[in-house]
Amino acid sequence: QVQLAESGGGLVQPGESLRLSCVASGTAVGYYGIGWFRQAPGKGREFVASISRGGGITYGANSMKGRFTIFRDNAKNTVYLQMNGLIPEDTAVYYCAQQETGNVWNNWGHGTQVTVSS
């Protein structure tokens, strides 16, 4: 059974950085596309970034481009989300998920909380 587990969230000040990890068990992380999503309080789930099986990368809203980087370490069976220059609007629970096909995602992790506040 495939399971994904996120970690690395926390409370940071504006301008600081965090690196989130999504560790896979039950499958090789490089065998599927993996995506990062986030959900802020009172808002819907938002696509952040994804890395395909072939290594193709897609980012979400323009506000995240240039600040967020997704990358994969097959040896550690982990997909990372490096977040730099964090702003309060980045505050959310961040989730990773496995790409089943196209825009269908499953095997969601339980999420990790990121709070950006001074």
PDB file of N, CA and C in Angstrom:
ATOM      1  N   GLN A   1       0.846  -1.190   0.000  1.00  0.00           N
ATOM      2  CA  GLN A   1       0.000   0.000   0.000  1.00  0.00           C
ATOM      3  C   GLN A   1       0.886   1.246   0.000  1.00  0.00           C
ATOM      4  N   VAL A   2       0.560   2.160  -0.904  1.00  0.00           N
ATOM      5  CA  VAL A   2       1.341   3.383  -1.019  1.00  0.00           C
ATOM      6  C   VAL A   2       0.941   4.359   0.076  1.00  0.00           C
ATOM      7  N   GLN A   3       1.932   4.899   0.749  1.00  0.00           N
ATOM      8  CA  GLN A   3       1.691   5.938   1.748  1.00  0.00           C
ATOM      9  C   GLN A   3       2.688   7.067   1.540  1.00  0.00           C
ATOM     10  N   LEU A   4       2.199   8.289   1.690  1.00  0.00           N
ATOM     11  CA  LEU A   4       3.036   9.475   1.602  1.00  0.00           C
ATOM     12  C   LEU A   4       2.986  10.197   2.937  1.00  0.00           C
ATOM     13  N   ALA A   5       4.124  10.693   3.379  1.00  0.00           N
ATOM     14  CA  ALA A   5       4.200  11.388   4.665  1.00  0.00           C
ATOM     15  C   ALA A   5       4.973  12.688   4.497  1.00  0.00           C
ATOM     16  N   GLU A   6       4.320  13.793   4.843  1.00  0.00           N
ATOM     17  CA  GLU A   6       4.950  15.106   4.756  1.00  0.00           C
ATOM     18  C   GLU A   6       5.593  15.476   6.089  1.00  0.00           C
ATOM     19  N   SER A   7       6.630  16.284   5.998  1.00  0.00           N
ATOM     20  CA  SER A   7       7.268  16.841   7.188  1.00  0.00           C
ATOM     21  C   SER A   7       8.015  18.107   6.791  1.00  0.00           C
ATOM     22  N   GLY A   8       8.455  18.838   7.799  1.00  0.00           N
ATOM     23  CA  GLY A   8       9.274  20.016   7.543  1.00  0.00           C
ATOM     24  C   GLY A   8       8.579  21.339   7.746  1.00  0.00           C
ATOM     25  N   GLY A   9       7.295  21.308   8.043  1.00  0.00           N
ATOM     26  CA  GLY A   9       6.587  22.556   8.279  1.00  0.00           C
ATOM     27  C   GLY A   9       6.992  23.197   9.594  1.00  0.00           C
ATOM     28  N   GLY A  10       6.491  24.402   9.820  1.00  0.00           N
ATOM     29  CA  GLY A  10       6.797  25.094  11.069  1.00  0.00           C
ATOM     30  C   GLY A  10       6.376  26.538  11.006  1.00  0.00           C
ATOM     31  N   LEU A  11       6.780  27.272  12.032  1.00  0.00           N
ATOM     32  CA  LEU A  11       6.504  28.701  12.131  1.00  0.00           C
ATOM     33  C   LEU A  11       7.765  29.468  11.764  1.00  0.00           C
ATOM     34  N   VAL A  12       7.660  30.318  10.754  1.00  0.00           N
ATOM     35  CA  VAL A  12       8.796  31.118  10.321  1.00  0.00           C
ATOM     36  C   VAL A  12       8.363  32.564  10.141  1.00  0.00           C
ATOM     37  N   GLN A  13       9.346  33.442  10.063  1.00  0.00           N
ATOM     38  CA  GLN A  13       9.070  34.861   9.821  1.00  0.00           C
ATOM     39  C   GLN A  13       9.088  35.138   8.320  1.00  0.00           C
ATOM     40  N   PRO A  14       8.426  36.199   7.914  1.00  0.00           N
ATOM     41  CA  PRO A  14       8.458  36.565   6.489  1.00  0.00           C
ATOM     42  C   PRO A  14       9.891  36.695   5.979  1.00  0.00           C
ATOM     43  N   GLY A  15      10.115  36.173   4.773  1.00  0.00           N
ATOM     44  CA  GLY A  15      11.440  36.216   4.175  1.00  0.00           C
ATOM     45  C   GLY A  15      12.280  34.986   4.425  1.00  0.00           C
ATOM     46  N   GLU A  16      11.880  34.177   5.388  1.00  0.00           N
ATOM     47  CA  GLU A  16      12.656  32.973   5.703  1.00  0.00           C
ATOM     48  C   GLU A  16      12.304  31.819   4.759  1.00  0.00           C
ATOM     49  N   SER A  17      12.993  30.697   4.961  1.00  0.00           N
ATOM     50  CA  SER A  17      12.836  29.543   4.074  1.00  0.00           C
ATOM     51  C   SER A  17      12.455  28.301   4.861  1.00  0.00           C
ATOM     52  N   LEU A  18      11.829  27.381   4.159  1.00  0.00           N
ATOM     53  CA  LEU A  18      11.537  26.049   4.691  1.00  0.00           C
ATOM     54  C   LEU A  18      11.711  25.037   3.574  1.00  0.00           C
ATOM     55  N   ARG A  19      12.076  23.823   3.951  1.00  0.00           N
ATOM     56  CA  ARG A  19      12.117  22.724   2.989  1.00  0.00           C
ATOM     57  C   ARG A  19      11.182  21.632   3.486  1.00  0.00           C
ATOM     58  N   LEU A  20      10.158  21.365   2.705  1.00  0.00           N
ATOM     59  CA  LEU A  20       9.223  20.302   3.027  1.00  0.00           C
ATOM     60  C   LEU A  20       9.653  19.002   2.369  1.00  0.00           C
ATOM     61  N   SER A  21       9.372  17.896   3.050  1.00  0.00           N
ATOM     62  CA  SER A  21       9.707  16.572   2.524  1.00  0.00           C
ATOM     63  C   SER A  21       8.445  15.743   2.377  1.00  0.00           C
ATOM     64  N   CYS A  22       8.414  14.946   1.343  1.00  0.00           N
ATOM     65  CA  CYS A  22       7.326  13.991   1.114  1.00  0.00           C
ATOM     66  C   CYS A  22       7.985  12.626   0.895  1.00  0.00           C
ATOM     67  N   VAL A  23       7.916  11.797   1.922  1.00  0.00           N
ATOM     68  CA  VAL A  23       8.553  10.484   1.858  1.00  0.00           C
ATOM     69  C   VAL A  23       7.525   9.435   1.458  1.00  0.00           C
ATOM     70  N   ALA A  24       7.868   8.615   0.490  1.00  0.00           N
ATOM     71  CA  ALA A  24       6.952   7.579   0.007  1.00  0.00           C
ATOM     72  C   ALA A  24       7.339   6.223   0.566  1.00  0.00           C
ATOM     73  N   SER A  25       6.330   5.441   0.873  1.00  0.00           N
ATOM     74  CA  SER A  25       6.529   4.040   1.239  1.00  0.00           C
ATOM     75  C   SER A  25       5.548   3.199   0.429  1.00  0.00           C
ATOM     76  N   GLY A  26       5.968   1.998   0.103  1.00  0.00           N
ATOM     77  CA  GLY A  26       5.117   1.130  -0.684  1.00  0.00           C
ATOM     78  C   GLY A  26       5.256   1.320  -2.179  1.00  0.00           C
ATOM     79  N   THR A  27       6.086   2.280  -2.574  1.00  0.00           N
ATOM     80  CA  THR A  27       6.336   2.503  -3.992  1.00  0.00           C
ATOM     81  C   THR A  27       7.626   3.288  -4.138  1.00  0.00           C
ATOM     82  N   ALA A  28       8.178   3.257  -5.322  1.00  0.00           N
ATOM     83  CA  ALA A  28       9.328   4.107  -5.609  1.00  0.00           C
ATOM     84  C   ALA A  28       8.822   5.483  -6.023  1.00  0.00           C
ATOM     85  N   VAL A  29       9.329   6.518  -5.367  1.00  0.00           N
ATOM     86  CA  VAL A  29       8.788   7.854  -5.601  1.00  0.00           C
ATOM     87  C   VAL A  29       9.004   8.295  -7.038  1.00  0.00           C
ATOM     88  N   GLY A  30       9.986   7.748  -7.696  1.00  0.00           N
ATOM     89  CA  GLY A  30      10.249   8.148  -9.067  1.00  0.00           C
ATOM     90  C   GLY A  30       9.390   7.435 -10.082  1.00  0.00           C
ATOM     91  N   TYR A  31       8.553   6.530  -9.617  1.00  0.00           N
ATOM     92  CA  TYR A  31       7.721   5.761 -10.541  1.00  0.00           C
ATOM     93  C   TYR A  31       6.432   6.487 -10.883  1.00  0.00           C
ATOM     94  N   TYR A  32       6.065   7.458 -10.052  1.00  0.00           N
ATOM     95  CA  TYR A  32       4.835   8.211 -10.275  1.00  0.00           C
ATOM     96  C   TYR A  32       5.129   9.701 -10.218  1.00  0.00           C
ATOM     97  N   GLY A  33       4.217  10.466 -10.759  1.00  0.00           N
ATOM     98  CA  GLY A  33       4.275  11.892 -10.515  1.00  0.00           C
ATOM     99  C   GLY A  33       3.864  12.175  -9.078  1.00  0.00           C
ATOM    100  N   ILE A  34       4.493  13.156  -8.478  1.00  0.00           N
ATOM    101  CA  ILE A  34       4.156  13.580  -7.120  1.00  0.00           C
ATOM    102  C   ILE A  34       3.870  15.063  -7.152  1.00  0.00           C
ATOM    103  N   GLY A  35       2.809  15.449  -6.489  1.00  0.00           N
ATOM    104  CA  GLY A  35       2.441  16.863  -6.452  1.00  0.00           C
ATOM    105  C   GLY A  35       2.365  17.390  -5.048  1.00  0.00           C
ATOM    106  N   TRP A  36       2.597  18.694  -4.928  1.00  0.00           N
ATOM    107  CA  TRP A  36       2.396  19.417  -3.676  1.00  0.00           C
ATOM    108  C   TRP A  36       1.190  20.331  -3.837  1.00  0.00           C
ATOM    109  N   PHE A  37       0.373  20.364  -2.811  1.00  0.00           N
ATOM    110  CA  PHE A  37      -0.810  21.203  -2.752  1.00  0.00           C
ATOM    111  C   PHE A  37      -0.834  21.898  -1.398  1.00  0.00           C
ATOM    112  N   ARG A  38      -1.646  22.939  -1.299  1.00  0.00           N
ATOM    113  CA  ARG A  38      -1.796  23.592  -0.005  1.00  0.00           C
ATOM    114  C   ARG A  38      -3.234  24.049   0.181  1.00  0.00           C
ATOM    115  N   GLN A  39      -3.607  24.175   1.428  1.00  0.00           N
ATOM    116  CA  GLN A  39      -4.940  24.657   1.764  1.00  0.00           C
ATOM    117  C   GLN A  39      -4.834  25.628   2.924  1.00  0.00           C
ATOM    118  N   ALA A  40      -5.168  26.871   2.643  1.00  0.00           N
ATOM    119  CA  ALA A  40      -5.158  27.905   3.668  1.00  0.00           C
ATOM    120  C   ALA A  40      -6.495  27.907   4.402  1.00  0.00           C
ATOM    121  N   PRO A  41      -6.531  28.450   5.607  1.00  0.00           N
ATOM    122  CA  PRO A  41      -7.789  28.484   6.376  1.00  0.00           C
ATOM    123  C   PRO A  41      -8.907  29.149   5.589  1.00  0.00           C
ATOM    124  N   GLY A  42     -10.034  28.464   5.491  1.00  0.00           N
ATOM    125  CA  GLY A  42     -11.204  29.027   4.824  1.00  0.00           C
ATOM    126  C   GLY A  42     -11.125  29.048   3.309  1.00  0.00           C
ATOM    127  N   LYS A  43     -10.102  28.420   2.735  1.00  0.00           N
ATOM    128  CA  LYS A  43      -9.939  28.423   1.285  1.00  0.00           C
ATOM    129  C   LYS A  43      -9.877  26.998   0.746  1.00  0.00           C
ATOM    130  N   GLY A  44     -10.013  26.869  -0.549  1.00  0.00           N
ATOM    131  CA  GLY A  44      -9.933  25.570  -1.188  1.00  0.00           C
ATOM    132  C   GLY A  44      -8.500  25.121  -1.380  1.00  0.00           C
ATOM    133  N   ARG A  45      -8.355  23.880  -1.775  1.00  0.00           N
ATOM    134  CA  ARG A  45      -7.029  23.329  -2.019  1.00  0.00           C
ATOM    135  C   ARG A  45      -6.433  23.956  -3.274  1.00  0.00           C
ATOM    136  N   GLU A  46      -5.160  24.301  -3.201  1.00  0.00           N
ATOM    137  CA  GLU A  46      -4.461  24.976  -4.284  1.00  0.00           C
ATOM    138  C   GLU A  46      -3.263  24.147  -4.741  1.00  0.00           C
ATOM    139  N   PHE A  47      -3.109  24.008  -6.028  1.00  0.00           N
ATOM    140  CA  PHE A  47      -1.958  23.317  -6.585  1.00  0.00           C
ATOM    141  C   PHE A  47      -0.712  24.182  -6.412  1.00  0.00           C
ATOM    142  N   VAL A  48       0.376  23.554  -5.948  1.00  0.00           N
ATOM    143  CA  VAL A  48       1.627  24.285  -5.729  1.00  0.00           C
ATOM    144  C   VAL A  48       2.663  23.909  -6.781  1.00  0.00           C
ATOM    145  N   ALA A  49       2.944  22.619  -6.910  1.00  0.00           N
ATOM    146  CA  ALA A  49       3.975  22.172  -7.849  1.00  0.00           C
ATOM    147  C   ALA A  49       3.887  20.669  -7.999  1.00  0.00           C
ATOM    148  N   SER A  50       4.412  20.175  -9.108  1.00  0.00           N
ATOM    149  CA  SER A  50       4.458  18.729  -9.315  1.00  0.00           C
ATOM    150  C   SER A  50       5.697  18.360 -10.109  1.00  0.00           C
ATOM    151  N   ILE A  51       6.103  17.117  -9.921  1.00  0.00           N
ATOM    152  CA  ILE A  51       7.213  16.559 -10.696  1.00  0.00           C
ATOM    153  C   ILE A  51       6.732  15.226 -11.247  1.00  0.00           C
ATOM    154  N   SER A  52       6.845  15.075 -12.552  1.00  0.00           N
ATOM    155  CA  SER A  52       6.326  13.880 -13.199  1.00  0.00           C
ATOM    156  C   SER A  52       7.312  12.729 -13.095  1.00  0.00           C
ATOM    157  N   ARG A  53       6.861  11.596 -13.496  1.00  0.00           N
ATOM    158  CA  ARG A  53       7.733  10.425 -13.507  1.00  0.00           C
ATOM    159  C   ARG A  53       8.983  10.690 -14.339  1.00  0.00           C
ATOM    160  N   GLY A  54       8.832  11.405 -15.425  1.00  0.00           N
ATOM    161  CA  GLY A  54       9.963  11.695 -16.288  1.00  0.00           C
ATOM    162  C   GLY A  54      10.779  12.899 -15.856  1.00  0.00           C
ATOM    163  N   GLY A  55      10.370  13.536 -14.765  1.00  0.00           N
ATOM    164  CA  GLY A  55      11.117  14.678 -14.250  1.00  0.00           C
ATOM    165  C   GLY A  55      10.592  16.024 -14.695  1.00  0.00           C
ATOM    166  N   GLY A  56       9.505  16.040 -15.454  1.00  0.00           N
ATOM    167  CA  GLY A  56       8.915  17.300 -15.846  1.00  0.00           C
ATOM    168  C   GLY A  56       8.326  18.022 -14.655  1.00  0.00           C
ATOM    169  N   ILE A  57       8.524  19.315 -14.592  1.00  0.00           N
ATOM    170  CA  ILE A  57       8.108  20.112 -13.432  1.00  0.00           C
ATOM    171  C   ILE A  57       7.076  21.146 -13.845  1.00  0.00           C
ATOM    172  N   THR A  58       6.057  21.281 -13.012  1.00  0.00           N
ATOM    173  CA  THR A  58       5.015  22.274 -13.213  1.00  0.00           C
ATOM    174  C   THR A  58       4.806  23.013 -11.912  1.00  0.00           C
ATOM    175  N   TYR A  59       4.652  24.325 -12.002  1.00  0.00           N
ATOM    176  CA  TYR A  59       4.368  25.140 -10.829  1.00  0.00           C
ATOM    177  C   TYR A  59       2.989  25.756 -10.945  1.00  0.00           C
ATOM    178  N   GLY A  60       2.444  26.104  -9.798  1.00  0.00           N
ATOM    179  CA  GLY A  60       1.121  26.686  -9.733  1.00  0.00           C
ATOM    180  C   GLY A  60       1.131  28.171 -10.010  1.00  0.00           C
ATOM    181  N   ALA A  61       0.475  28.920  -9.152  1.00  0.00           N
ATOM    182  CA  ALA A  61       0.285  30.342  -9.381  1.00  0.00           C
ATOM    183  C   ALA A  61       1.613  31.074  -9.520  1.00  0.00           C
ATOM    184  N   ASN A  62       1.566  32.185 -10.257  1.00  0.00           N
ATOM    185  CA  ASN A  62       2.776  32.965 -10.496  1.00  0.00           C
ATOM    186  C   ASN A  62       3.444  33.425  -9.212  1.00  0.00           C
ATOM    187  N   SER A  63       2.639  33.575  -8.180  1.00  0.00           N
ATOM    188  CA  SER A  63       3.185  34.065  -6.918  1.00  0.00           C
ATOM    189  C   SER A  63       4.183  33.091  -6.316  1.00  0.00           C
ATOM    190  N   MET A  64       4.123  31.826  -6.760  1.00  0.00           N
ATOM    191  CA  MET A  64       5.033  30.823  -6.215  1.00  0.00           C
ATOM    192  C   MET A  64       6.249  30.599  -7.106  1.00  0.00           C
ATOM    193  N   LYS A  65       6.129  30.959  -8.362  1.00  0.00           N
ATOM    194  CA  LYS A  65       7.248  30.743  -9.274  1.00  0.00           C
ATOM    195  C   LYS A  65       8.431  31.617  -8.874  1.00  0.00           C
ATOM    196  N   GLY A  66       9.593  31.012  -8.911  1.00  0.00           N
ATOM    197  CA  GLY A  66      10.787  31.752  -8.528  1.00  0.00           C
ATOM    198  C   GLY A  66      11.080  31.699  -7.048  1.00  0.00           C
ATOM    199  N   ARG A  67      10.070  31.352  -6.252  1.00  0.00           N
ATOM    200  CA  ARG A  67      10.287  31.225  -4.804  1.00  0.00           C
ATOM    201  C   ARG A  67      10.297  29.771  -4.363  1.00  0.00           C
ATOM    202  N   PHE A  68       9.511  28.948  -5.053  1.00  0.00           N
ATOM    203  CA  PHE A  68       9.390  27.534  -4.681  1.00  0.00           C
ATOM    204  C   PHE A  68      10.110  26.672  -5.717  1.00  0.00           C
ATOM    205  N   THR A  69      10.747  25.604  -5.240  1.00  0.00           N
ATOM    206  CA  THR A  69      11.419  24.657  -6.112  1.00  0.00           C
ATOM    207  C   THR A  69      11.062  23.245  -5.674  1.00  0.00           C
ATOM    208  N   ILE A  70      10.629  22.431  -6.616  1.00  0.00           N
ATOM    209  CA  ILE A  70      10.331  21.023  -6.324  1.00  0.00           C
ATOM    210  C   ILE A  70      11.454  20.178  -6.919  1.00  0.00           C
ATOM    211  N   PHE A  71      11.899  19.193  -6.166  1.00  0.00           N
ATOM    212  CA  PHE A  71      12.912  18.284  -6.683  1.00  0.00           C
ATOM    213  C   PHE A  71      12.789  16.937  -5.984  1.00  0.00           C
ATOM    214  N   ARG A  72      13.418  15.948  -6.556  1.00  0.00           N
ATOM    215  CA  ARG A  72      13.232  14.566  -6.115  1.00  0.00           C
ATOM    216  C   ARG A  72      14.586  13.918  -5.841  1.00  0.00           C
ATOM    217  N   ASP A  73      14.651  13.133  -4.804  1.00  0.00           N
ATOM    218  CA  ASP A  73      15.828  12.325  -4.494  1.00  0.00           C
ATOM    219  C   ASP A  73      15.386  10.864  -4.495  1.00  0.00           C
ATOM    220  N   ASN A  74      15.648  10.167  -5.591  1.00  0.00           N
ATOM    221  CA  ASN A  74      15.190   8.780  -5.707  1.00  0.00           C
ATOM    222  C   ASN A  74      15.839   7.877  -4.663  1.00  0.00           C
ATOM    223  N   ALA A  75      17.081   8.153  -4.313  1.00  0.00           N
ATOM    224  CA  ALA A  75      17.785   7.324  -3.337  1.00  0.00           C
ATOM    225  C   ALA A  75      17.119   7.393  -1.963  1.00  0.00           C
ATOM    226  N   LYS A  76      16.536   8.551  -1.644  1.00  0.00           N
ATOM    227  CA  LYS A  76      15.853   8.716  -0.361  1.00  0.00           C
ATOM    228  C   LYS A  76      14.351   8.533  -0.492  1.00  0.00           C
ATOM    229  N   ASN A  77      13.903   8.225  -1.720  1.00  0.00           N
ATOM    230  CA  ASN A  77      12.475   8.034  -1.973  1.00  0.00           C
ATOM    231  C   ASN A  77      11.652   9.221  -1.486  1.00  0.00           C
ATOM    232  N   THR A  78      12.152  10.416  -1.770  1.00  0.00           N
ATOM    233  CA  THR A  78      11.572  11.639  -1.221  1.00  0.00           C
ATOM    234  C   THR A  78      11.462  12.710  -2.304  1.00  0.00           C
ATOM    235  N   VAL A  79      10.356  13.441  -2.265  1.00  0.00           N
ATOM    236  CA  VAL A  79      10.189  14.640  -3.084  1.00  0.00           C
ATOM    237  C   VAL A  79      10.172  15.836  -2.137  1.00  0.00           C
ATOM    238  N   TYR A  80      10.938  16.841  -2.480  1.00  0.00           N
ATOM    239  CA  TYR A  80      11.081  18.014  -1.631  1.00  0.00           C
ATOM    240  C   TYR A  80      10.389  19.224  -2.263  1.00  0.00           C
ATOM    241  N   LEU A  81      10.006  20.146  -1.392  1.00  0.00           N
ATOM    242  CA  LEU A  81       9.537  21.457  -1.824  1.00  0.00           C
ATOM    243  C   LEU A  81      10.339  22.495  -1.056  1.00  0.00           C
ATOM    244  N   GLN A  82      11.257  23.135  -1.753  1.00  0.00           N
ATOM    245  CA  GLN A  82      12.063  24.200  -1.159  1.00  0.00           C
ATOM    246  C   GLN A  82      11.304  25.508  -1.315  1.00  0.00           C
ATOM    247  N   MET A  83      11.045  26.185  -0.212  1.00  0.00           N
ATOM    248  CA  MET A  83      10.282  27.428  -0.239  1.00  0.00           C
ATOM    249  C   MET A  83      11.141  28.545   0.320  1.00  0.00           C
ATOM    250  N   ASN A  84      11.424  29.524  -0.512  1.00  0.00           N
ATOM    251  CA  ASN A  84      12.235  30.673  -0.115  1.00  0.00           C
ATOM    252  C   ASN A  84      11.379  31.940  -0.134  1.00  0.00           C
ATOM    253  N   GLY A  85      11.838  32.942   0.581  1.00  0.00           N
ATOM    254  CA  GLY A  85      11.123  34.212   0.586  1.00  0.00           C
ATOM    255  C   GLY A  85       9.672  34.068   0.991  1.00  0.00           C
ATOM    256  N   LEU A  86       9.437  33.319   2.047  1.00  0.00           N
ATOM    257  CA  LEU A  86       8.050  33.062   2.452  1.00  0.00           C
ATOM    258  C   LEU A  86       7.343  34.346   2.872  1.00  0.00           C
ATOM    259  N   ILE A  87       6.060  34.399   2.535  1.00  0.00           N
ATOM    260  CA  ILE A  87       5.198  35.535   2.866  1.00  0.00           C
ATOM    261  C   ILE A  87       4.007  35.016   3.654  1.00  0.00           C
ATOM    262  N   PRO A  88       3.322  35.889   4.387  1.00  0.00           N
ATOM    263  CA  PRO A  88       2.179  35.415   5.189  1.00  0.00           C
ATOM    264  C   PRO A  88       1.121  34.670   4.377  1.00  0.00           C
ATOM    265  N   GLU A  89       0.970  35.042   3.105  1.00  0.00           N
ATOM    266  CA  GLU A  89      -0.023  34.373   2.255  1.00  0.00           C
ATOM    267  C   GLU A  89       0.338  32.924   1.946  1.00  0.00           C
ATOM    268  N   ASP A  90       1.543  32.514   2.278  1.00  0.00           N
ATOM    269  CA  ASP A  90       1.935  31.119   2.102  1.00  0.00           C
ATOM    270  C   ASP A  90       1.483  30.242   3.265  1.00  0.00           C
ATOM    271  N   THR A  91       0.925  30.855   4.287  1.00  0.00           N
ATOM    272  CA  THR A  91       0.447  30.090   5.438  1.00  0.00           C
ATOM    273  C   THR A  91      -0.660  29.127   5.011  1.00  0.00           C
ATOM    274  N   ALA A  92      -0.458  27.849   5.293  1.00  0.00           N
ATOM    275  CA  ALA A  92      -1.403  26.811   4.860  1.00  0.00           C
ATOM    276  C   ALA A  92      -0.924  25.464   5.366  1.00  0.00           C
ATOM    277  N   VAL A  93      -1.791  24.480   5.218  1.00  0.00           N
ATOM    278  CA  VAL A  93      -1.366  23.085   5.381  1.00  0.00           C
ATOM    279  C   VAL A  93      -0.934  22.597   4.001  1.00  0.00           C
ATOM    280  N   TYR A  94       0.261  22.037   3.944  1.00  0.00           N
ATOM    281  CA  TYR A  94       0.816  21.562   2.683  1.00  0.00           C
ATOM    282  C   TYR A  94       0.718  20.040   2.620  1.00  0.00           C
ATOM    283  N   TYR A  95       0.221  19.558   1.497  1.00  0.00           N
ATOM    284  CA  TYR A  95       0.012  18.127   1.282  1.00  0.00           C
ATOM    285  C   TYR A  95       0.782  17.661   0.045  1.00  0.00           C
ATOM    286  N   CYS A  96       1.199  16.415   0.057  1.00  0.00           N
ATOM    287  CA  CYS A  96       1.691  15.807  -1.173  1.00  0.00           C
ATOM    288  C   CYS A  96       0.757  14.655  -1.551  1.00  0.00           C
ATOM    289  N   ALA A  97       0.745  14.347  -2.828  1.00  0.00           N
ATOM    290  CA  ALA A  97      -0.138  13.312  -3.345  1.00  0.00           C
ATOM    291  C   ALA A  97       0.512  12.646  -4.549  1.00  0.00           C
ATOM    292  N   GLN A  98       0.049  11.462  -4.839  1.00  0.00           N
ATOM    293  CA  GLN A  98       0.545  10.674  -5.962  1.00  0.00           C
ATOM    294  C   GLN A  98      -0.351  10.912  -7.167  1.00  0.00           C
ATOM    295  N   GLN A  99       0.260  11.104  -8.307  1.00  0.00           N
ATOM    296  CA  GLN A  99      -0.515  11.332  -9.519  1.00  0.00           C
ATOM    297  C   GLN A  99      -0.965   9.993 -10.097  1.00  0.00           C
ATOM    298  N   GLU A 100      -2.283   9.860 -10.186  1.00  0.00           N
ATOM    299  CA  GLU A 100      -2.807   8.640 -10.799  1.00  0.00           C
ATOM    300  C   GLU A 100      -2.799   8.797 -12.311  1.00  0.00           C
ATOM    301  N   THR A 101      -3.396   9.864 -12.785  1.00  0.00           N
ATOM    302  CA  THR A 101      -3.391  10.181 -14.208  1.00  0.00           C
ATOM    303  C   THR A 101      -3.882  11.602 -14.389  1.00  0.00           C
ATOM    304  N   GLY A 102      -3.240  12.339 -15.259  1.00  0.00           N
ATOM    305  CA  GLY A 102      -3.688  13.695 -15.539  1.00  0.00           C
ATOM    306  C   GLY A 102      -3.809  14.530 -14.275  1.00  0.00           C
ATOM    307  N   ASN A 103      -5.022  14.985 -14.015  1.00  0.00           N
ATOM    308  CA  ASN A 103      -5.263  15.809 -12.836  1.00  0.00           C
ATOM    309  C   ASN A 103      -5.950  15.012 -11.731  1.00  0.00           C
ATOM    310  N   VAL A 104      -5.742  13.726 -11.721  1.00  0.00           N
ATOM    311  CA  VAL A 104      -6.300  12.868 -10.681  1.00  0.00           C
ATOM    312  C   VAL A 104      -5.180  12.470  -9.735  1.00  0.00           C
ATOM    313  N   TRP A 105      -5.370  12.815  -8.460  1.00  0.00           N
ATOM    314  CA  TRP A 105      -4.352  12.587  -7.438  1.00  0.00           C
ATOM    315  C   TRP A 105      -4.938  11.725  -6.336  1.00  0.00           C
ATOM    316  N   ASN A 106      -4.113  10.842  -5.769  1.00  0.00           N
ATOM    317  CA  ASN A 106      -4.580   9.999  -4.675  1.00  0.00           C
ATOM    318  C   ASN A 106      -3.455   9.754  -3.692  1.00  0.00           C
ATOM    319  N   ASN A 107      -3.753   8.927  -2.694  1.00  0.00           N
ATOM    320  CA  ASN A 107      -2.788   8.600  -1.637  1.00  0.00           C
ATOM    321  C   ASN A 107      -2.234   9.862  -0.973  1.00  0.00           C
ATOM    322  N   TRP A 108      -3.128  10.736  -0.601  1.00  0.00           N
ATOM    323  CA  TRP A 108      -2.740  11.992   0.028  1.00  0.00           C
ATOM    324  C   TRP A 108      -2.103  11.741   1.381  1.00  0.00           C
ATOM    325  N   GLY A 109      -1.097  12.558   1.693  1.00  0.00           N
ATOM    326  CA  GLY A 109      -0.519  12.523   3.025  1.00  0.00           C
ATOM    327  C   GLY A 109      -1.410  13.281   3.991  1.00  0.00           C
ATOM    328  N   HIS A 110      -0.995  13.334   5.256  1.00  0.00           N
ATOM    329  CA  HIS A 110      -1.800  14.004   6.283  1.00  0.00           C
ATOM    330  C   HIS A 110      -1.513  15.497   6.360  1.00  0.00           C
ATOM    331  N   GLY A 111      -0.486  15.951   5.695  1.00  0.00           N
ATOM    332  CA  GLY A 111      -0.204  17.377   5.638  1.00  0.00           C
ATOM    333  C   GLY A 111       0.779  17.842   6.699  1.00  0.00           C
ATOM    334  N   THR A 112       1.401  18.981   6.419  1.00  0.00           N
ATOM    335  CA  THR A 112       2.298  19.623   7.369  1.00  0.00           C
ATOM    336  C   THR A 112       1.979  21.122   7.381  1.00  0.00           C
ATOM    337  N   GLN A 113       1.882  21.688   8.570  1.00  0.00           N
ATOM    338  CA  GLN A 113       1.463  23.079   8.717  1.00  0.00           C
ATOM    339  C   GLN A 113       2.647  24.023   8.511  1.00  0.00           C
ATOM    340  N   VAL A 114       2.425  25.018   7.666  1.00  0.00           N
ATOM    341  CA  VAL A 114       3.394  26.095   7.471  1.00  0.00           C
ATOM    342  C   VAL A 114       2.722  27.398   7.880  1.00  0.00           C
ATOM    343  N   THR A 115       3.346  28.106   8.807  1.00  0.00           N
ATOM    344  CA  THR A 115       2.824  29.382   9.267  1.00  0.00           C
ATOM    345  C   THR A 115       3.907  30.437   9.111  1.00  0.00           C
ATOM    346  N   VAL A 116       3.560  31.490   8.388  1.00  0.00           N
ATOM    347  CA  VAL A 116       4.496  32.595   8.158  1.00  0.00           C
ATOM    348  C   VAL A 116       3.942  33.820   8.848  1.00  0.00           C
ATOM    349  N   SER A 117       4.632  34.241   9.885  1.00  0.00           N
ATOM    350  CA  SER A 117       4.127  35.357  10.691  1.00  0.00           C
ATOM    351  C   SER A 117       5.272  36.030  11.416  1.00  0.00           C
ATOM    352  N   SER A 118       5.153  37.352  11.554  1.00  0.00           N
ATOM    353  CA  SER A 118       6.136  38.093  12.327  1.00  0.00           C
ATOM    354  C   SER A 118       5.685  38.237  13.768  1.00  0.00           C
TER     355      SER A 118
END
